[in-house]
Amino acid sequence: MSQQTSKKFNSKTITELALLIALEVILSRFLSIHTPIVRIGFGFLPLAIMGILYGSWTAGIAAIFADLIGFILFPTGTYFPGFTLTAFLTGFTYGILLYNKPKYTIRILISVLVVCLILNLVLDTLWLSILMGKGYIALLPTRIIKVLVMIPVQFISISLVWNKFLIRVKSSFNLR
């Protein structure tokens, strides 16, 4: 373990990540709307916070843990590793685009568009198509509606959290 890695992952950081992982599990599993092909909720928010605070690799790996813990504790169907890959890529994307970067509206919008259009619409629809044995095109209309709803929800939520919450938390607790 390198010097920089050991400094970054102290008990405080691990505790903060564990709380964000638990929050992601709760928001995704209990406080969201579930149908067989659509899940609408705020589970993206802890992943975005992880990306903003800790960077791409940490957020991506924490997203894997959140997905696996959520599935093990509260399964909602068959486990499919494609969704875990999407979870990793979601955390990774937020980290790449938002970590240690100035808060610009366009940066938040790009991260939301990548997550919603590429990861949620394209990849998750592919995973559902494989898992359910239904045609990709047949699943798209419902998935497009979900993405059109979630783009503004994610954009506004991440913007508000970054403005109101993270700035106060960082200054209050001397976080990064």
N, C-alpha and C. Protein backbone atom coordinates (compact mmCIF):
# COMPACT_ATOMS: atom_id res chain seq x y z
N MET A 1 0.85 -1.17 0.00
CA MET A 1 0.00 0.00 0.00
C MET A 1 0.90 1.24 0.00
N SER A 2 0.65 2.12 -0.91
CA SER A 2 1.50 3.31 -1.02
C SER A 2 1.18 4.30 0.09
N GLN A 3 2.08 5.24 0.30
CA GLN A 3 1.92 6.25 1.33
C GLN A 3 0.65 7.06 1.10
N GLN A 4 0.41 7.46 -0.15
CA GLN A 4 -0.76 8.28 -0.47
C GLN A 4 -2.06 7.52 -0.22
N THR A 5 -2.09 6.24 -0.59
CA THR A 5 -3.29 5.44 -0.39
C THR A 5 -3.58 5.25 1.09
N SER A 6 -2.55 4.99 1.89
CA SER A 6 -2.77 4.78 3.32
C SER A 6 -3.24 6.06 3.99
N LYS A 7 -2.80 7.22 3.53
CA LYS A 7 -3.28 8.48 4.09
C LYS A 7 -4.74 8.70 3.73
N LYS A 8 -5.11 8.36 2.53
CA LYS A 8 -6.46 8.62 2.05
C LYS A 8 -7.49 7.74 2.74
N PHE A 9 -7.15 6.49 3.01
CA PHE A 9 -8.11 5.56 3.59
C PHE A 9 -7.84 5.35 5.07
N ASN A 10 -8.20 6.35 5.85
CA ASN A 10 -8.13 6.21 7.29
C ASN A 10 -9.50 5.81 7.80
N SER A 11 -9.62 5.66 9.11
CA SER A 11 -10.89 5.19 9.67
C SER A 11 -12.02 6.18 9.43
N LYS A 12 -11.70 7.47 9.42
CA LYS A 12 -12.73 8.49 9.17
C LYS A 12 -13.29 8.35 7.76
N THR A 13 -12.43 8.19 6.78
CA THR A 13 -12.86 8.05 5.39
C THR A 13 -13.69 6.79 5.20
N ILE A 14 -13.24 5.70 5.78
CA ILE A 14 -13.96 4.43 5.64
C ILE A 14 -15.34 4.54 6.30
N THR A 15 -15.42 5.22 7.43
CA THR A 15 -16.70 5.41 8.10
C THR A 15 -17.64 6.27 7.25
N GLU A 16 -17.12 7.35 6.69
CA GLU A 16 -17.93 8.20 5.82
C GLU A 16 -18.44 7.44 4.61
N LEU A 17 -17.57 6.64 4.00
CA LEU A 17 -17.99 5.84 2.84
C LEU A 17 -19.03 4.80 3.25
N ALA A 18 -18.85 4.20 4.42
CA ALA A 18 -19.82 3.20 4.89
C ALA A 18 -21.20 3.84 5.09
N LEU A 19 -21.22 5.05 5.64
CA LEU A 19 -22.50 5.74 5.82
C LEU A 19 -23.14 6.07 4.47
N LEU A 20 -22.35 6.49 3.51
CA LEU A 20 -22.89 6.78 2.18
C LEU A 20 -23.36 5.51 1.48
N ILE A 21 -22.65 4.41 1.67
CA ILE A 21 -23.09 3.13 1.12
C ILE A 21 -24.43 2.72 1.75
N ALA A 22 -24.54 2.84 3.06
CA ALA A 22 -25.80 2.51 3.73
C ALA A 22 -26.93 3.40 3.24
N LEU A 23 -26.64 4.68 3.06
CA LEU A 23 -27.65 5.60 2.55
C LEU A 23 -28.09 5.22 1.14
N GLU A 24 -27.14 4.81 0.30
CA GLU A 24 -27.47 4.37 -1.06
C GLU A 24 -28.37 3.15 -1.02
N VAL A 25 -28.07 2.20 -0.16
CA VAL A 25 -28.89 0.99 -0.05
C VAL A 25 -30.31 1.36 0.39
N ILE A 26 -30.43 2.21 1.37
CA ILE A 26 -31.76 2.61 1.87
C ILE A 26 -32.54 3.35 0.79
N LEU A 27 -31.89 4.32 0.15
CA LEU A 27 -32.59 5.10 -0.87
C LEU A 27 -32.98 4.25 -2.08
N SER A 28 -32.13 3.30 -2.46
CA SER A 28 -32.41 2.46 -3.63
C SER A 28 -33.43 1.38 -3.34
N ARG A 29 -33.35 0.77 -2.17
CA ARG A 29 -34.18 -0.39 -1.88
C ARG A 29 -35.52 -0.05 -1.24
N PHE A 30 -35.56 1.02 -0.44
CA PHE A 30 -36.78 1.31 0.32
C PHE A 30 -37.49 2.59 -0.10
N LEU A 31 -36.76 3.56 -0.55
CA LEU A 31 -37.36 4.87 -0.85
C LEU A 31 -37.34 5.15 -2.34
N SER A 32 -37.71 4.17 -3.11
CA SER A 32 -37.79 4.36 -4.57
C SER A 32 -38.98 3.58 -5.10
N ILE A 33 -39.37 3.95 -6.30
CA ILE A 33 -40.48 3.28 -6.98
C ILE A 33 -39.91 2.16 -7.83
N HIS A 34 -40.40 0.94 -7.61
CA HIS A 34 -39.89 -0.24 -8.32
C HIS A 34 -40.95 -0.81 -9.25
N THR A 35 -40.54 -1.08 -10.47
CA THR A 35 -41.30 -1.93 -11.38
C THR A 35 -40.30 -2.93 -11.93
N PRO A 36 -40.75 -3.94 -12.65
CA PRO A 36 -39.77 -4.90 -13.18
C PRO A 36 -38.72 -4.28 -14.10
N ILE A 37 -39.03 -3.19 -14.78
CA ILE A 37 -38.05 -2.63 -15.72
C ILE A 37 -37.61 -1.21 -15.38
N VAL A 38 -38.17 -0.61 -14.32
CA VAL A 38 -37.81 0.76 -13.97
C VAL A 38 -37.70 0.89 -12.45
N ARG A 39 -36.67 1.61 -12.01
CA ARG A 39 -36.54 2.00 -10.61
C ARG A 39 -36.28 3.50 -10.59
N ILE A 40 -37.19 4.23 -9.95
CA ILE A 40 -37.04 5.68 -9.84
C ILE A 40 -36.84 6.02 -8.37
N GLY A 41 -35.73 6.67 -8.08
CA GLY A 41 -35.44 7.02 -6.70
C GLY A 41 -34.23 7.94 -6.60
N PHE A 42 -33.72 8.07 -5.39
CA PHE A 42 -32.61 8.97 -5.13
C PHE A 42 -31.33 8.23 -4.76
N GLY A 43 -31.21 6.96 -5.15
CA GLY A 43 -30.01 6.19 -4.87
C GLY A 43 -28.78 6.72 -5.56
N PHE A 44 -28.95 7.54 -6.57
CA PHE A 44 -27.82 8.14 -7.28
C PHE A 44 -27.11 9.19 -6.42
N LEU A 45 -27.82 9.80 -5.48
CA LEU A 45 -27.27 10.93 -4.74
C LEU A 45 -26.06 10.56 -3.88
N PRO A 46 -26.11 9.47 -3.09
CA PRO A 46 -24.90 9.09 -2.35
C PRO A 46 -23.73 8.76 -3.28
N LEU A 47 -24.02 8.19 -4.46
CA LEU A 47 -22.95 7.90 -5.41
C LEU A 47 -22.32 9.19 -5.92
N ALA A 48 -23.15 10.19 -6.19
CA ALA A 48 -22.62 11.48 -6.64
C ALA A 48 -21.80 12.13 -5.53
N ILE A 49 -22.28 12.03 -4.29
CA ILE A 49 -21.53 12.60 -3.17
C ILE A 49 -20.18 11.91 -3.03
N MET A 50 -20.17 10.59 -3.15
CA MET A 50 -18.90 9.85 -3.10
C MET A 50 -17.96 10.31 -4.19
N GLY A 51 -18.50 10.49 -5.40
CA GLY A 51 -17.68 10.97 -6.50
C GLY A 51 -17.12 12.35 -6.24
N ILE A 52 -17.94 13.24 -5.72
CA ILE A 52 -17.50 14.61 -5.43
C ILE A 52 -16.43 14.62 -4.34
N LEU A 53 -16.62 13.84 -3.29
CA LEU A 53 -15.72 13.88 -2.14
C LEU A 53 -14.47 13.02 -2.28
N TYR A 54 -14.58 11.87 -2.97
CA TYR A 54 -13.50 10.89 -2.92
C TYR A 54 -12.90 10.52 -4.27
N GLY A 55 -13.50 10.90 -5.36
CA GLY A 55 -12.93 10.60 -6.66
C GLY A 55 -13.49 9.35 -7.31
N SER A 56 -13.00 9.10 -8.51
CA SER A 56 -13.60 8.10 -9.38
C SER A 56 -13.44 6.66 -8.88
N TRP A 57 -12.23 6.23 -8.59
CA TRP A 57 -12.02 4.84 -8.21
C TRP A 57 -12.70 4.51 -6.89
N THR A 58 -12.57 5.39 -5.93
CA THR A 58 -13.19 5.16 -4.63
C THR A 58 -14.71 5.12 -4.76
N ALA A 59 -15.28 6.06 -5.49
CA ALA A 59 -16.73 6.08 -5.68
C ALA A 59 -17.20 4.84 -6.44
N GLY A 60 -16.44 4.43 -7.45
CA GLY A 60 -16.81 3.25 -8.22
C GLY A 60 -16.78 1.98 -7.38
N ILE A 61 -15.73 1.81 -6.59
CA ILE A 61 -15.62 0.61 -5.75
C ILE A 61 -16.67 0.64 -4.65
N ALA A 62 -16.92 1.80 -4.07
CA ALA A 62 -17.97 1.92 -3.05
C ALA A 62 -19.33 1.60 -3.66
N ALA A 63 -19.55 1.98 -4.91
CA ALA A 63 -20.81 1.68 -5.59
C ALA A 63 -20.98 0.17 -5.77
N ILE A 64 -19.89 -0.53 -6.03
CA ILE A 64 -19.94 -1.99 -6.12
C ILE A 64 -20.39 -2.57 -4.78
N PHE A 65 -19.76 -2.10 -3.69
CA PHE A 65 -20.15 -2.57 -2.36
C PHE A 65 -21.62 -2.28 -2.08
N ALA A 66 -22.08 -1.08 -2.43
CA ALA A 66 -23.48 -0.72 -2.20
C ALA A 66 -24.41 -1.65 -2.97
N ASP A 67 -24.07 -1.93 -4.23
CA ASP A 67 -24.90 -2.81 -5.04
C ASP A 67 -24.94 -4.22 -4.46
N LEU A 68 -23.79 -4.75 -4.10
CA LEU A 68 -23.73 -6.11 -3.57
C LEU A 68 -24.39 -6.23 -2.20
N ILE A 69 -24.15 -5.27 -1.32
CA ILE A 69 -24.78 -5.30 0.00
C ILE A 69 -26.29 -5.16 -0.14
N GLY A 70 -26.73 -4.26 -0.99
CA GLY A 70 -28.16 -4.09 -1.22
C GLY A 70 -28.80 -5.36 -1.73
N PHE A 71 -28.12 -6.03 -2.66
CA PHE A 71 -28.69 -7.27 -3.20
C PHE A 71 -28.70 -8.38 -2.16
N ILE A 72 -27.62 -8.52 -1.41
CA ILE A 72 -27.53 -9.60 -0.42
C ILE A 72 -28.56 -9.41 0.69
N LEU A 73 -28.70 -8.18 1.19
CA LEU A 73 -29.61 -7.94 2.29
C LEU A 73 -31.07 -7.84 1.86
N PHE A 74 -31.31 -7.25 0.70
CA PHE A 74 -32.68 -7.00 0.25
C PHE A 74 -32.81 -7.34 -1.24
N PRO A 75 -32.75 -8.62 -1.59
CA PRO A 75 -32.80 -8.98 -3.00
C PRO A 75 -34.14 -8.65 -3.64
N THR A 76 -34.06 -8.16 -4.86
CA THR A 76 -35.28 -7.87 -5.63
C THR A 76 -35.17 -8.55 -6.99
N GLY A 77 -35.06 -9.85 -6.98
CA GLY A 77 -34.92 -10.60 -8.22
C GLY A 77 -33.58 -11.30 -8.26
N THR A 78 -33.21 -11.70 -9.45
CA THR A 78 -31.98 -12.44 -9.68
C THR A 78 -30.79 -11.49 -9.72
N TYR A 79 -29.67 -11.93 -9.15
CA TYR A 79 -28.45 -11.12 -9.24
C TYR A 79 -27.94 -11.18 -10.68
N PHE A 80 -27.55 -10.02 -11.19
CA PHE A 80 -26.97 -9.94 -12.53
C PHE A 80 -25.77 -9.00 -12.46
N PRO A 81 -24.57 -9.48 -12.80
CA PRO A 81 -23.36 -8.67 -12.64
C PRO A 81 -23.33 -7.41 -13.51
N GLY A 82 -24.13 -7.35 -14.55
CA GLY A 82 -24.17 -6.16 -15.39
C GLY A 82 -24.60 -4.93 -14.61
N PHE A 83 -25.55 -5.10 -13.68
CA PHE A 83 -26.00 -3.97 -12.87
C PHE A 83 -24.91 -3.51 -11.91
N THR A 84 -24.10 -4.45 -11.44
CA THR A 84 -22.96 -4.07 -10.59
C THR A 84 -21.94 -3.29 -11.41
N LEU A 85 -21.73 -3.68 -12.66
CA LEU A 85 -20.84 -2.92 -13.54
C LEU A 85 -21.38 -1.51 -13.75
N THR A 86 -22.67 -1.39 -13.97
CA THR A 86 -23.27 -0.07 -14.14
C THR A 86 -23.11 0.76 -12.87
N ALA A 87 -23.27 0.15 -11.71
CA ALA A 87 -23.09 0.86 -10.45
C ALA A 87 -21.66 1.39 -10.35
N PHE A 88 -20.68 0.54 -10.65
CA PHE A 88 -19.28 0.99 -10.64
C PHE A 88 -19.07 2.16 -11.60
N LEU A 89 -19.56 2.02 -12.81
CA LEU A 89 -19.37 3.07 -13.81
C LEU A 89 -20.08 4.37 -13.42
N THR A 90 -21.19 4.26 -12.70
CA THR A 90 -21.90 5.46 -12.23
C THR A 90 -21.04 6.21 -11.22
N GLY A 91 -20.55 5.53 -10.20
CA GLY A 91 -19.67 6.17 -9.22
C GLY A 91 -18.41 6.71 -9.87
N PHE A 92 -17.85 5.92 -10.77
CA PHE A 92 -16.63 6.32 -11.47
C PHE A 92 -16.87 7.59 -12.30
N THR A 93 -17.99 7.64 -12.98
CA THR A 93 -18.33 8.80 -13.82
C THR A 93 -18.49 10.06 -12.98
N TYR A 94 -19.24 9.95 -11.89
CA TYR A 94 -19.38 11.11 -11.01
C TYR A 94 -18.02 11.56 -10.49
N GLY A 95 -17.17 10.62 -10.15
CA GLY A 95 -15.84 10.97 -9.65
C GLY A 95 -14.97 11.65 -10.69
N ILE A 96 -14.97 11.11 -11.90
CA ILE A 96 -14.16 11.69 -12.99
C ILE A 96 -14.59 13.12 -13.29
N LEU A 97 -15.89 13.34 -13.32
CA LEU A 97 -16.40 14.64 -13.75
C LEU A 97 -16.57 15.66 -12.64
N LEU A 98 -16.66 15.22 -11.37
CA LEU A 98 -16.98 16.16 -10.30
C LEU A 98 -15.92 16.29 -9.20
N TYR A 99 -15.02 15.32 -9.06
CA TYR A 99 -14.03 15.34 -7.98
C TYR A 99 -12.96 16.40 -8.23
N ASN A 100 -12.72 17.21 -7.21
CA ASN A 100 -11.69 18.27 -7.26
C ASN A 100 -11.86 19.20 -8.45
N LYS A 101 -13.08 19.41 -8.85
CA LYS A 101 -13.36 20.31 -9.97
C LYS A 101 -14.21 21.46 -9.45
N PRO A 102 -14.08 22.61 -10.06
CA PRO A 102 -14.98 23.70 -9.67
C PRO A 102 -16.42 23.34 -10.04
N LYS A 103 -17.35 23.83 -9.23
CA LYS A 103 -18.76 23.53 -9.45
C LYS A 103 -19.29 24.39 -10.59
N TYR A 104 -19.44 23.77 -11.73
CA TYR A 104 -20.04 24.42 -12.89
C TYR A 104 -21.29 23.66 -13.27
N THR A 105 -22.31 24.39 -13.65
CA THR A 105 -23.58 23.78 -14.05
C THR A 105 -23.36 22.80 -15.20
N ILE A 106 -22.54 23.16 -16.16
CA ILE A 106 -22.32 22.30 -17.33
C ILE A 106 -21.65 20.99 -16.93
N ARG A 107 -20.76 21.03 -15.93
CA ARG A 107 -20.08 19.82 -15.46
C ARG A 107 -21.09 18.86 -14.82
N ILE A 108 -21.99 19.39 -14.02
CA ILE A 108 -23.02 18.57 -13.39
C ILE A 108 -23.95 18.00 -14.46
N LEU A 109 -24.33 18.84 -15.41
CA LEU A 109 -25.22 18.39 -16.48
C LEU A 109 -24.58 17.27 -17.31
N ILE A 110 -23.31 17.41 -17.64
CA ILE A 110 -22.62 16.37 -18.42
C ILE A 110 -22.59 15.06 -17.63
N SER A 111 -22.28 15.13 -16.33
CA SER A 111 -22.23 13.90 -15.54
C SER A 111 -23.60 13.23 -15.48
N VAL A 112 -24.65 14.03 -15.32
CA VAL A 112 -26.01 13.48 -15.28
C VAL A 112 -26.39 12.87 -16.63
N LEU A 113 -26.05 13.55 -17.71
CA LEU A 113 -26.37 13.03 -19.04
C LEU A 113 -25.63 11.73 -19.34
N VAL A 114 -24.37 11.65 -18.96
CA VAL A 114 -23.61 10.40 -19.18
C VAL A 114 -24.24 9.27 -18.38
N VAL A 115 -24.52 9.54 -17.10
CA VAL A 115 -25.10 8.49 -16.25
C VAL A 115 -26.48 8.08 -16.77
N CYS A 116 -27.34 9.06 -17.04
CA CYS A 116 -28.72 8.73 -17.43
C CYS A 116 -28.81 8.14 -18.84
N LEU A 117 -28.15 8.78 -19.80
CA LEU A 117 -28.31 8.34 -21.19
C LEU A 117 -27.48 7.12 -21.55
N ILE A 118 -26.23 7.12 -21.13
CA ILE A 118 -25.35 6.01 -21.52
C ILE A 118 -25.48 4.83 -20.55
N LEU A 119 -25.34 5.11 -19.26
CA LEU A 119 -25.32 4.00 -18.30
C LEU A 119 -26.73 3.47 -18.00
N ASN A 120 -27.66 4.36 -17.65
CA ASN A 120 -28.99 3.89 -17.28
C ASN A 120 -29.82 3.48 -18.49
N LEU A 121 -29.81 4.28 -19.55
CA LEU A 121 -30.64 3.96 -20.70
C LEU A 121 -30.03 2.84 -21.54
N VAL A 122 -28.80 3.00 -21.96
CA VAL A 122 -28.19 2.03 -22.87
C VAL A 122 -27.80 0.74 -22.14
N LEU A 123 -26.94 0.88 -21.12
CA LEU A 123 -26.42 -0.33 -20.46
C LEU A 123 -27.49 -1.06 -19.65
N ASP A 124 -28.22 -0.34 -18.79
CA ASP A 124 -29.22 -1.03 -17.97
C ASP A 124 -30.33 -1.66 -18.81
N THR A 125 -30.68 -1.02 -19.90
CA THR A 125 -31.68 -1.62 -20.79
C THR A 125 -31.12 -2.90 -21.42
N LEU A 126 -29.86 -2.89 -21.77
CA LEU A 126 -29.21 -4.10 -22.28
C LEU A 126 -29.25 -5.21 -21.24
N TRP A 127 -28.91 -4.88 -19.99
CA TRP A 127 -28.91 -5.90 -18.93
C TRP A 127 -30.32 -6.45 -18.72
N LEU A 128 -31.31 -5.56 -18.72
CA LEU A 128 -32.71 -6.02 -18.57
C LEU A 128 -33.14 -6.90 -19.73
N SER A 129 -32.72 -6.53 -20.93
CA SER A 129 -33.04 -7.32 -22.12
C SER A 129 -32.47 -8.74 -22.00
N ILE A 130 -31.23 -8.83 -21.57
CA ILE A 130 -30.59 -10.13 -21.39
C ILE A 130 -31.28 -10.91 -20.27
N LEU A 131 -31.52 -10.25 -19.16
CA LEU A 131 -32.07 -10.91 -17.99
C LEU A 131 -33.51 -11.37 -18.19
N MET A 132 -34.31 -10.54 -18.84
CA MET A 132 -35.73 -10.85 -19.00
C MET A 132 -36.04 -11.60 -20.29
N GLY A 133 -35.08 -11.64 -21.20
CA GLY A 133 -35.32 -12.32 -22.46
C GLY A 133 -36.24 -11.54 -23.38
N LYS A 134 -36.36 -10.25 -23.14
CA LYS A 134 -37.21 -9.40 -23.99
C LYS A 134 -36.32 -8.60 -24.93
N GLY A 135 -36.89 -8.15 -26.02
CA GLY A 135 -36.14 -7.37 -26.99
C GLY A 135 -35.74 -6.02 -26.43
N TYR A 136 -34.56 -5.59 -26.79
CA TYR A 136 -34.01 -4.32 -26.34
C TYR A 136 -34.94 -3.17 -26.72
N ILE A 137 -35.38 -3.17 -27.96
CA ILE A 137 -36.24 -2.10 -28.47
C ILE A 137 -37.58 -2.08 -27.74
N ALA A 138 -38.08 -3.24 -27.35
CA ALA A 138 -39.36 -3.30 -26.65
C ALA A 138 -39.28 -2.65 -25.27
N LEU A 139 -38.12 -2.68 -24.65
CA LEU A 139 -37.95 -2.08 -23.33
C LEU A 139 -37.69 -0.58 -23.38
N LEU A 140 -37.26 -0.09 -24.52
CA LEU A 140 -36.82 1.31 -24.62
C LEU A 140 -37.88 2.37 -24.30
N PRO A 141 -39.12 2.27 -24.76
CA PRO A 141 -40.07 3.36 -24.48
C PRO A 141 -40.22 3.68 -22.99
N THR A 142 -40.40 2.66 -22.18
CA THR A 142 -40.53 2.88 -20.74
C THR A 142 -39.25 3.41 -20.15
N ARG A 143 -38.13 2.88 -20.60
CA ARG A 143 -36.82 3.32 -20.08
C ARG A 143 -36.54 4.77 -20.49
N ILE A 144 -36.96 5.18 -21.67
CA ILE A 144 -36.75 6.56 -22.12
C ILE A 144 -37.56 7.52 -21.24
N ILE A 145 -38.78 7.15 -20.91
CA ILE A 145 -39.60 7.99 -20.03
C ILE A 145 -38.92 8.13 -18.67
N LYS A 146 -38.41 7.03 -18.14
CA LYS A 146 -37.71 7.07 -16.85
C LYS A 146 -36.52 8.02 -16.92
N VAL A 147 -35.73 7.94 -17.97
CA VAL A 147 -34.55 8.79 -18.11
C VAL A 147 -34.95 10.26 -18.25
N LEU A 148 -36.01 10.52 -18.99
CA LEU A 148 -36.47 11.90 -19.15
C LEU A 148 -36.95 12.50 -17.83
N VAL A 149 -37.49 11.67 -16.95
CA VAL A 149 -37.88 12.13 -15.63
C VAL A 149 -36.65 12.33 -14.75
N MET A 150 -35.70 11.41 -14.85
CA MET A 150 -34.56 11.43 -13.93
C MET A 150 -33.50 12.47 -14.27
N ILE A 151 -33.36 12.88 -15.50
CA ILE A 151 -32.34 13.88 -15.84
C ILE A 151 -32.54 15.16 -15.03
N PRO A 152 -33.72 15.79 -15.06
CA PRO A 152 -33.87 17.00 -14.25
C PRO A 152 -33.80 16.72 -12.74
N VAL A 153 -34.34 15.58 -12.30
CA VAL A 153 -34.30 15.23 -10.88
C VAL A 153 -32.85 15.12 -10.41
N GLN A 154 -32.02 14.41 -11.17
CA GLN A 154 -30.62 14.24 -10.78
C GLN A 154 -29.87 15.57 -10.86
N PHE A 155 -30.09 16.31 -11.91
CA PHE A 155 -29.39 17.59 -12.07
C PHE A 155 -29.70 18.53 -10.91
N ILE A 156 -30.97 18.70 -10.60
CA ILE A 156 -31.38 19.61 -9.53
C ILE A 156 -30.88 19.09 -8.18
N SER A 157 -31.02 17.79 -7.93
CA SER A 157 -30.61 17.22 -6.65
C SER A 157 -29.11 17.37 -6.41
N ILE A 158 -28.32 17.03 -7.40
CA ILE A 158 -26.87 17.13 -7.25
C ILE A 158 -26.46 18.59 -7.08
N SER A 159 -27.06 19.48 -7.85
CA SER A 159 -26.74 20.90 -7.72
C SER A 159 -27.08 21.42 -6.32
N LEU A 160 -28.25 21.07 -5.81
CA LEU A 160 -28.65 21.52 -4.48
C LEU A 160 -27.76 20.95 -3.40
N VAL A 161 -27.47 19.66 -3.49
CA VAL A 161 -26.64 19.02 -2.48
C VAL A 161 -25.24 19.62 -2.50
N TRP A 162 -24.71 19.83 -3.68
CA TRP A 162 -23.37 20.40 -3.78
C TRP A 162 -23.36 21.81 -3.20
N ASN A 163 -24.36 22.59 -3.50
CA ASN A 163 -24.43 23.96 -3.00
C ASN A 163 -24.70 24.03 -1.51
N LYS A 164 -25.79 23.44 -1.08
CA LYS A 164 -26.28 23.65 0.27
C LYS A 164 -25.63 22.73 1.30
N PHE A 165 -25.45 21.48 0.95
CA PHE A 165 -25.03 20.50 1.92
C PHE A 165 -23.52 20.31 1.97
N LEU A 166 -22.93 19.99 0.85
CA LEU A 166 -21.51 19.62 0.85
C LEU A 166 -20.60 20.77 1.27
N ILE A 167 -20.90 21.97 0.87
CA ILE A 167 -20.05 23.10 1.25
C ILE A 167 -20.09 23.28 2.77
N ARG A 168 -21.28 23.17 3.37
CA ARG A 168 -21.40 23.30 4.83
C ARG A 168 -20.73 22.14 5.55
N VAL A 169 -20.93 20.92 5.06
CA VAL A 169 -20.35 19.75 5.70
C VAL A 169 -18.83 19.81 5.62
N LYS A 170 -18.30 20.16 4.47
CA LYS A 170 -16.85 20.25 4.32
C LYS A 170 -16.26 21.26 5.30
N SER A 171 -16.87 22.42 5.40
CA SER A 171 -16.32 23.44 6.29
C SER A 171 -16.54 23.08 7.77
N SER A 172 -17.66 22.47 8.10
CA SER A 172 -17.95 22.12 9.49
C SER A 172 -17.05 21.01 10.01
N PHE A 173 -16.77 20.04 9.17
CA PHE A 173 -16.02 18.88 9.61
C PHE A 173 -14.62 18.78 9.02
N ASN A 174 -14.18 19.84 8.38
CA ASN A 174 -12.84 19.88 7.76
C ASN A 174 -12.60 18.73 6.81
N LEU A 175 -13.62 18.45 5.98
CA LEU A 175 -13.47 17.41 4.97
C LEU A 175 -12.73 17.99 3.78
N ARG A 176 -12.34 17.12 2.86
CA ARG A 176 -11.61 17.53 1.66
C ARG A 176 -12.24 18.70 1.02
